[in-house]
N, C-alpha and C. Protein backbone atom coordinates (compact mmCIF):
# COMPACT_ATOMS: atom_id res chain seq x y z
N MET A 1 -48.92 199.96 104.10
CA MET A 1 -48.00 199.15 103.34
C MET A 1 -47.35 200.01 102.26
N GLU A 2 -46.07 199.90 102.10
CA GLU A 2 -45.33 200.66 101.09
C GLU A 2 -45.20 199.86 99.81
N TYR A 3 -45.07 200.58 98.70
CA TYR A 3 -44.85 199.98 97.41
C TYR A 3 -43.39 199.51 97.35
N ALA A 4 -43.13 198.26 96.98
CA ALA A 4 -41.80 197.69 97.04
C ALA A 4 -41.71 196.45 96.15
N ILE A 5 -40.48 195.87 96.05
CA ILE A 5 -40.26 194.67 95.25
C ILE A 5 -39.83 193.52 96.15
N GLY A 6 -40.56 192.42 96.03
CA GLY A 6 -40.23 191.19 96.75
C GLY A 6 -40.25 190.05 95.76
N TYR A 7 -40.04 188.85 96.25
CA TYR A 7 -40.08 187.70 95.34
C TYR A 7 -40.56 186.44 96.06
N ALA A 8 -40.91 185.45 95.24
CA ALA A 8 -41.33 184.13 95.72
C ALA A 8 -40.64 183.10 94.82
N MET A 9 -40.49 181.89 95.34
CA MET A 9 -39.83 180.83 94.56
C MET A 9 -40.68 179.57 94.55
N ALA A 10 -40.48 178.75 93.52
CA ALA A 10 -41.19 177.47 93.39
C ALA A 10 -40.32 176.50 92.63
N LYS A 11 -40.59 175.23 92.76
CA LYS A 11 -39.86 174.20 92.00
C LYS A 11 -40.45 174.03 90.60
N SER A 12 -41.65 174.60 90.39
CA SER A 12 -42.33 174.50 89.09
C SER A 12 -42.88 175.89 88.73
N PRO A 13 -42.96 176.23 87.45
CA PRO A 13 -43.54 177.51 87.04
C PRO A 13 -44.98 177.67 87.49
N LEU A 14 -45.64 176.55 87.78
CA LEU A 14 -47.04 176.60 88.20
C LEU A 14 -47.20 176.61 89.71
N GLY A 15 -46.08 176.60 90.43
CA GLY A 15 -46.14 176.65 91.90
C GLY A 15 -46.22 175.26 92.50
N PRO A 16 -46.48 175.21 93.79
CA PRO A 16 -46.85 176.30 94.67
C PRO A 16 -45.64 177.20 94.97
N PHE A 17 -45.90 178.49 95.23
CA PHE A 17 -44.87 179.47 95.48
C PHE A 17 -44.73 179.76 96.95
N THR A 18 -43.53 180.02 97.37
CA THR A 18 -43.25 180.41 98.75
C THR A 18 -42.60 181.78 98.73
N LYS A 19 -43.23 182.76 99.42
CA LYS A 19 -42.67 184.11 99.47
C LYS A 19 -41.42 184.11 100.35
N TYR A 20 -40.41 184.86 99.93
CA TYR A 20 -39.22 185.04 100.73
C TYR A 20 -39.56 185.81 101.99
N GLN A 21 -39.18 185.29 103.13
CA GLN A 21 -39.54 185.89 104.41
C GLN A 21 -38.86 187.23 104.63
N GLY A 22 -37.78 187.52 103.91
CA GLY A 22 -37.08 188.81 104.03
C GLY A 22 -37.58 189.87 103.09
N ASN A 23 -38.73 189.62 102.40
CA ASN A 23 -39.29 190.62 101.50
C ASN A 23 -39.65 191.87 102.29
N PRO A 24 -39.62 193.00 101.63
CA PRO A 24 -39.19 193.25 100.26
C PRO A 24 -37.66 193.39 100.17
N ILE A 25 -37.12 193.10 98.98
CA ILE A 25 -35.67 193.24 98.82
C ILE A 25 -35.32 194.64 98.31
N PHE A 26 -36.22 195.31 97.61
CA PHE A 26 -36.05 196.70 97.20
C PHE A 26 -37.23 197.46 97.81
N LYS A 27 -36.93 198.46 98.65
CA LYS A 27 -37.99 199.19 99.33
C LYS A 27 -37.63 200.66 99.52
N LYS A 28 -38.60 201.41 99.99
CA LYS A 28 -38.43 202.84 100.25
C LYS A 28 -37.40 203.04 101.36
N GLY A 29 -36.58 204.06 101.20
CA GLY A 29 -35.60 204.44 102.23
C GLY A 29 -34.32 204.93 101.61
N GLU A 30 -33.62 205.79 102.33
CA GLU A 30 -32.33 206.32 101.88
C GLU A 30 -32.41 206.92 100.49
N GLY A 31 -33.46 207.74 100.25
CA GLY A 31 -33.62 208.39 98.95
C GLY A 31 -34.26 207.54 97.89
N ILE A 32 -34.71 206.35 98.22
CA ILE A 32 -35.41 205.47 97.28
C ILE A 32 -36.90 205.60 97.55
N TYR A 33 -37.70 205.83 96.49
CA TYR A 33 -39.13 206.02 96.63
C TYR A 33 -39.90 205.07 95.72
N GLY A 34 -40.69 204.20 96.31
CA GLY A 34 -41.61 203.37 95.57
C GLY A 34 -41.05 202.52 94.45
N PRO A 35 -40.03 201.70 94.67
CA PRO A 35 -39.55 200.84 93.60
C PRO A 35 -40.60 199.78 93.24
N GLY A 36 -40.73 199.48 91.94
CA GLY A 36 -41.71 198.49 91.54
C GLY A 36 -41.61 198.08 90.08
N HIS A 37 -42.48 197.18 89.69
CA HIS A 37 -42.60 196.66 88.33
C HIS A 37 -41.26 196.28 87.73
N ALA A 38 -40.71 195.22 88.24
CA ALA A 38 -39.34 194.80 87.85
C ALA A 38 -39.33 193.76 86.74
N SER A 39 -38.22 193.76 86.05
CA SER A 39 -37.89 192.74 85.05
C SER A 39 -36.41 192.38 85.25
N VAL A 40 -36.05 191.14 85.02
CA VAL A 40 -34.68 190.69 85.26
C VAL A 40 -34.06 190.23 83.94
N THR A 41 -32.79 190.60 83.76
CA THR A 41 -32.05 190.12 82.59
C THR A 41 -30.68 189.64 83.06
N ARG A 42 -30.04 188.82 82.25
CA ARG A 42 -28.71 188.30 82.55
C ARG A 42 -27.77 188.82 81.48
N ASP A 43 -26.59 189.34 81.88
CA ASP A 43 -25.66 189.81 80.88
C ASP A 43 -24.77 188.66 80.37
N LEU A 44 -23.91 188.96 79.43
CA LEU A 44 -23.07 187.92 78.83
C LEU A 44 -22.09 187.31 79.82
N ASN A 45 -21.84 188.00 80.92
CA ASN A 45 -20.95 187.46 81.98
C ASN A 45 -21.73 186.65 83.01
N GLY A 46 -23.05 186.49 82.80
CA GLY A 46 -23.86 185.70 83.72
C GLY A 46 -24.40 186.48 84.92
N ARG A 47 -24.10 187.76 85.02
CA ARG A 47 -24.62 188.57 86.14
C ARG A 47 -26.07 188.93 85.90
N LEU A 48 -26.84 188.98 86.99
CA LEU A 48 -28.25 189.34 86.92
C LEU A 48 -28.44 190.83 87.16
N TRP A 49 -29.36 191.43 86.43
CA TRP A 49 -29.69 192.85 86.56
C TRP A 49 -31.22 192.99 86.69
N MET A 50 -31.67 193.88 87.57
CA MET A 50 -33.09 194.18 87.69
C MET A 50 -33.36 195.56 87.11
N VAL A 51 -34.28 195.63 86.16
CA VAL A 51 -34.73 196.90 85.60
C VAL A 51 -36.11 197.16 86.23
N TYR A 52 -36.28 198.35 86.77
CA TYR A 52 -37.51 198.67 87.51
C TYR A 52 -37.74 200.16 87.50
N HIS A 53 -38.82 200.60 88.11
CA HIS A 53 -39.03 202.04 88.22
C HIS A 53 -39.04 202.45 89.68
N GLN A 54 -38.80 203.75 89.88
CA GLN A 54 -38.96 204.38 91.19
C GLN A 54 -39.77 205.64 90.99
N GLN A 55 -40.42 206.08 92.05
CA GLN A 55 -41.05 207.41 92.04
C GLN A 55 -39.92 208.43 92.04
N ARG A 56 -40.16 209.55 91.35
CA ARG A 56 -39.16 210.60 91.31
C ARG A 56 -38.95 211.26 92.66
N GLY A 57 -39.98 211.29 93.48
CA GLY A 57 -39.90 211.90 94.81
C GLY A 57 -40.87 211.25 95.76
N GLU A 58 -41.11 211.87 96.88
CA GLU A 58 -42.00 211.29 97.91
C GLU A 58 -43.47 211.37 97.54
N LYS A 59 -43.84 212.26 96.61
CA LYS A 59 -45.23 212.43 96.21
C LYS A 59 -45.71 211.21 95.43
N THR A 60 -46.86 210.66 95.80
CA THR A 60 -47.46 209.53 95.08
C THR A 60 -47.99 210.01 93.75
N GLY A 61 -47.83 209.20 92.71
CA GLY A 61 -48.33 209.57 91.39
C GLY A 61 -47.58 208.84 90.29
N TRP A 62 -47.62 209.42 89.08
CA TRP A 62 -47.05 208.75 87.92
C TRP A 62 -45.71 209.37 87.49
N ASP A 63 -45.06 210.14 88.33
CA ASP A 63 -43.77 210.74 88.01
C ASP A 63 -42.69 209.76 88.37
N ARG A 64 -42.28 208.92 87.41
CA ARG A 64 -41.36 207.80 87.67
C ARG A 64 -40.08 207.94 86.88
N ILE A 65 -39.06 207.25 87.34
CA ILE A 65 -37.80 207.13 86.63
C ILE A 65 -37.48 205.65 86.49
N ILE A 66 -36.70 205.33 85.46
CA ILE A 66 -36.28 203.94 85.23
C ILE A 66 -34.92 203.72 85.88
N CYS A 67 -34.76 202.57 86.53
CA CYS A 67 -33.52 202.25 87.23
C CYS A 67 -33.03 200.86 86.84
N ILE A 68 -31.74 200.62 87.02
CA ILE A 68 -31.17 199.30 86.79
C ILE A 68 -30.11 199.06 87.87
N ASP A 69 -30.20 197.91 88.49
CA ASP A 69 -29.25 197.55 89.54
C ASP A 69 -28.95 196.06 89.51
N ARG A 70 -27.76 195.70 89.96
CA ARG A 70 -27.38 194.28 90.04
C ARG A 70 -28.16 193.58 91.13
N ILE A 71 -28.47 192.31 90.89
CA ILE A 71 -29.03 191.41 91.89
C ILE A 71 -28.22 190.13 91.83
N TRP A 72 -28.25 189.34 92.90
CA TRP A 72 -27.45 188.12 92.93
C TRP A 72 -28.00 187.15 93.95
N PHE A 73 -27.71 185.88 93.75
CA PHE A 73 -28.06 184.82 94.70
C PHE A 73 -26.82 184.52 95.52
N ASP A 74 -27.01 184.37 96.84
CA ASP A 74 -25.90 183.95 97.68
C ASP A 74 -25.77 182.43 97.63
N ASP A 75 -24.84 181.88 98.39
CA ASP A 75 -24.60 180.44 98.35
C ASP A 75 -25.72 179.60 98.96
N LYS A 76 -26.68 180.27 99.62
CA LYS A 76 -27.85 179.56 100.17
C LYS A 76 -29.07 179.70 99.27
N GLY A 77 -28.91 180.35 98.12
CA GLY A 77 -30.00 180.51 97.19
C GLY A 77 -30.91 181.69 97.46
N VAL A 78 -30.49 182.62 98.32
CA VAL A 78 -31.28 183.80 98.66
C VAL A 78 -30.92 184.93 97.72
N LEU A 79 -31.93 185.56 97.14
CA LEU A 79 -31.73 186.68 96.20
C LEU A 79 -31.50 187.96 96.97
N HIS A 80 -30.48 188.73 96.52
CA HIS A 80 -30.13 189.99 97.14
C HIS A 80 -30.04 191.09 96.08
N GLY A 81 -30.20 192.31 96.50
CA GLY A 81 -30.03 193.45 95.64
C GLY A 81 -30.02 194.70 96.47
N LYS A 82 -29.59 195.80 95.87
CA LYS A 82 -29.62 197.09 96.55
C LYS A 82 -30.09 198.13 95.55
N ALA A 83 -31.21 198.75 95.85
CA ALA A 83 -31.72 199.82 94.99
C ALA A 83 -30.81 201.03 95.12
N THR A 84 -30.51 201.67 94.00
CA THR A 84 -29.71 202.88 93.99
C THR A 84 -30.51 204.00 93.33
N ARG A 85 -29.97 205.18 93.43
CA ARG A 85 -30.62 206.34 92.80
C ARG A 85 -29.52 207.30 92.35
N GLY A 86 -29.51 207.60 91.07
CA GLY A 86 -28.53 208.54 90.56
C GLY A 86 -27.13 207.96 90.53
N THR A 87 -27.03 206.63 90.57
CA THR A 87 -25.71 205.98 90.50
C THR A 87 -25.54 205.41 89.09
N PRO A 88 -24.61 205.96 88.33
CA PRO A 88 -24.41 205.43 86.97
C PRO A 88 -24.04 203.94 87.02
N GLN A 89 -24.67 203.18 86.16
CA GLN A 89 -24.43 201.74 86.06
C GLN A 89 -24.02 201.40 84.64
N PRO A 90 -23.05 200.50 84.46
CA PRO A 90 -22.72 200.08 83.10
C PRO A 90 -23.90 199.26 82.55
N PRO A 91 -24.32 199.49 81.31
CA PRO A 91 -25.42 198.69 80.78
C PRO A 91 -25.01 197.24 80.61
N PRO A 92 -25.88 196.31 80.96
CA PRO A 92 -25.55 194.90 80.77
C PRO A 92 -25.58 194.55 79.27
N VAL A 93 -24.55 193.96 78.79
CA VAL A 93 -24.50 193.51 77.39
C VAL A 93 -25.21 192.17 77.34
N THR A 94 -26.33 192.12 76.62
CA THR A 94 -27.14 190.91 76.62
C THR A 94 -27.33 190.29 75.24
N ASP A 95 -27.11 191.05 74.18
CA ASP A 95 -27.39 190.52 72.84
C ASP A 95 -26.24 190.88 71.90
N VAL A 96 -25.53 189.89 71.44
CA VAL A 96 -24.37 190.11 70.61
C VAL A 96 -24.74 190.84 69.32
N THR A 97 -25.87 190.53 68.71
CA THR A 97 -26.22 191.11 67.42
C THR A 97 -26.59 192.59 67.54
N LEU A 98 -27.13 193.02 68.66
CA LEU A 98 -27.50 194.44 68.81
C LEU A 98 -26.36 195.31 69.22
N THR A 99 -25.38 194.79 69.92
CA THR A 99 -24.31 195.60 70.46
C THR A 99 -23.06 195.64 69.60
N GLY A 100 -22.93 194.71 68.68
CA GLY A 100 -21.72 194.59 67.89
C GLY A 100 -20.59 193.94 68.67
N TYR A 101 -20.91 193.48 69.85
CA TYR A 101 -19.91 192.83 70.72
C TYR A 101 -19.46 191.52 70.11
N SER A 102 -18.18 191.27 70.11
CA SER A 102 -17.71 189.97 69.65
C SER A 102 -16.71 189.42 70.67
N ARG A 103 -16.69 188.12 70.79
CA ARG A 103 -15.81 187.47 71.75
C ARG A 103 -14.46 187.18 71.15
């Protein structure tokens, strides 16, 4: 089994949870190594972003890099995302007071 990111959903925070049958949504392949330990944030435009780590290379261990990529729900409520590597991403603006952003 490979290290990867999947998800489950529930109608209540206490469950019961149902794992998405298409898991994992972020996995090893095409230069992506061991994505894991994710956190999700929403930017001021309502877009979802996943912050997670990847292994720096194929060797197992603690040599990790931090990554951020967009995720989204389709019209059927299925979560999608695509892990990238070395692809510059604009930082999601999430807090008006920290960024100096004004509307």
